[in-house]
Each structure stands twice: as C-alpha cells, then as structure tokens.
Amino acid sequence: MNVFGLTRALVDIESITENESDVGVFLYDHIGKIAAQTGGCVERMPVEGNRFNVLACWGTPAVTLSTHMDTVPPFFPSSEDAEFIRGRGSCDAKGIIASMTAAAEKLLGDGVKNFGLLFVVGEERNSAGAVAAARMPRGSRYLVNGEPTENKLAVASKGTLRLEVVAHGRMAHSAYPELGESAIEKLLDVLEAMRRIPLPEDPLLGRCSVNIGTITGGRAPNVIPDLAKAEILVRLVGDPAAVRDAFTAAAGGRVELNEVLLIPAMRFVNVDGLPTTVVSFTTDIPMFEGSWGEPLLLGPGSIHVAHTSEERIAKKDLADAVEIYATVVKKLLAAA
C-alpha cells in the first residue's frame, strides 16, 4: 500500500478520541506485516481500557518517529482528486502516520536500522497515549513528533494554559432581583477583567493570546442564575507563572479559578538544511517528558485546515514527507 492508499485507509477508520481501537488494530496488523518481513517487532502498548499505542522497532531505536491516531469530531470519510486527499484526520495526523510508515519502509530498503515508529492515542484531548509511553521508554535519543508544519522543522511552539472559571450566585425570581445574586453577571465582570490583562510577548513566538472558548449557566430567563462557568485557553509564549498570577488577580476572589491543563512553551532540536517555522499549537511532546529523547516537530499538511470541514493534505506534501523523514532519521542516527 503506497502512502496515498494508506492515508485514505486510515482516514476511513473513524478514530475520534477514545475510539482509537479500530485504527490501532489496523496499524498493528499493517506494520506487523512489514516488521515480520524486515526483522522488526511490533507491540500494543496499553493505555486504558481497550485503547493502546502501537510501537514498532527495528533494533534499539535511537530515533523514533511518532504522531497520534485520534482525531477531533465529526468524522467524515476520505476522498481525493489529482492534488489532495480529504477527510477527517487527513492532515492531523493520519497522512503523517502514512508518510512515517512509508519512510520506515524506505529506510529498511536502504539497510537502516535502530529506529522506531510510535503511534499514540488521545493527543486531541489529554495526551493519554504520550503519558503512558513516557512510563515505558525504549532508549530513544531523538523523538520526531509529527504535526502539520508544512514540512518545515518547527523550532518552537507555544504552550497552553487551560482554565475553568466558576461563578456562584443565589437563585431568585427575576421580578425581585434584589433577593438573588446573579452568577452570570459575576462571571461576565470577571471575564471582562481577564480580557483586559496585558499579555507577554516573546521575540520568537510572538504574543500570548487568550480564547474564551465556552460559557454556560443559568436555569431560565425568569430565574436569577445561581451558577455560571467559562472555559479559557491561553496560548503561552514563556513562563506561565506571571500569566497565572494575572488571571488570579483578575478573578479577585469573586469566582473559583481552576487550572485544568498546563503545557509549557517548547524549543526543539534543529537539523541543518531544513526550512524552519514557529507554531502556535501545542503537541504531545511535553507529555513525553524527555523519556523518548530530544524532541523535533515536523510534518506535512497545514494546521490551518486541521479541525475544519475542509481538512485535506496535498499528495505532493505526503510524498515529500516520506523523503524528509527518511533523511532526518539518517542524520539523527549519525549524530546519536
């Protein structure tokens, strides 16, 4: 199966986060056949329930190519034309899985060993697969993580601070608001203060940004609301302590402020001869905690169409990625 056929086969298996078992079985069988013919080994790395990572090794892996099997909803199947393959996960990150697998076959054809493939679950929600893999290292010195970077080597990525804001009030009949306390009004006041926080900048990563992603609350139009919540995601460019302190000060004790997730901004290994970029999204890399080696970030496709109804990947990018991944592995093995 070539890189285009494998991409479509993977896209056509629905694997929204927590439902990765079918695509995991497919990859375990597909890569298992390659390993059986080339002296490698493949295993299911347990995560939780019926969810597992897929790990394949040829020798002791000094370099590991890795990305994720899960996708965001909603699922839609693959299609293609002369230029693109479309479908959920085509660029984030099933096309990357296909190009990494094809690169492995190319490397094996060139007699290269001592590398691995690691495909994980859960990246789109809580990085459960990367957390599990961090507990089971195999001695890898370099981890090439695949995300859509337009085949440019990312030298840095922003981090993430996810916060939950919870406001409490007191219910009352809306005809007598003085008898209640509106949780929604309290929440809106706090969110307005948070929107006015001056945000730090970094010469490489640019400006920190904030997104108020969800707001929920209230019971009925004629009831003073006793509970309201909001979820906030901050894209970090440096030390999160100052940002965290600023949001705590804006809350001013008026609401609960809960830290849900913290992923720091990252700097990555560079490889001479490759074009570079900087990205604003976060990855599984911090969750590996260095247990699979020094990180690199590189993959075909554009993040601008990931998570959209127009998700697609150019066939040329897939083909180029096979060569790029193979070249990177060879260079890293020489440096290991």
Foldseek 3Di string as FASTA:
>chain_A
DALVVQLQVLLQDAAAAPRQLVSQVVCQVVVCVVCVVQVKDWDWQDQDDSFTKIKIFFPQAQEEEEEESHFHDDWDHWDDDPWWIDTTCSVRPSSVVSLLSLLVVVCSVVVDHRHMYIYFGDWVHDLSRLLSVLVPFRNHAEYAYEHAPQQFWAFKEWKKWKKKKKAFKAKDFQVCCVVIGARVVLVVQLVVLLVPDDWDADPAQGTKDKDFDDKDWDDDPGMRTGMIMIMMMIGHDADCPVVVVSSVVSNVPRIDMDTDDITHMDGADDDPPGHYDHYHDDTSVVSSVCSNHTYIYGYHDDPVCHPHPGDIGTPVRSVVSSVVVSVVSVVSVVVD
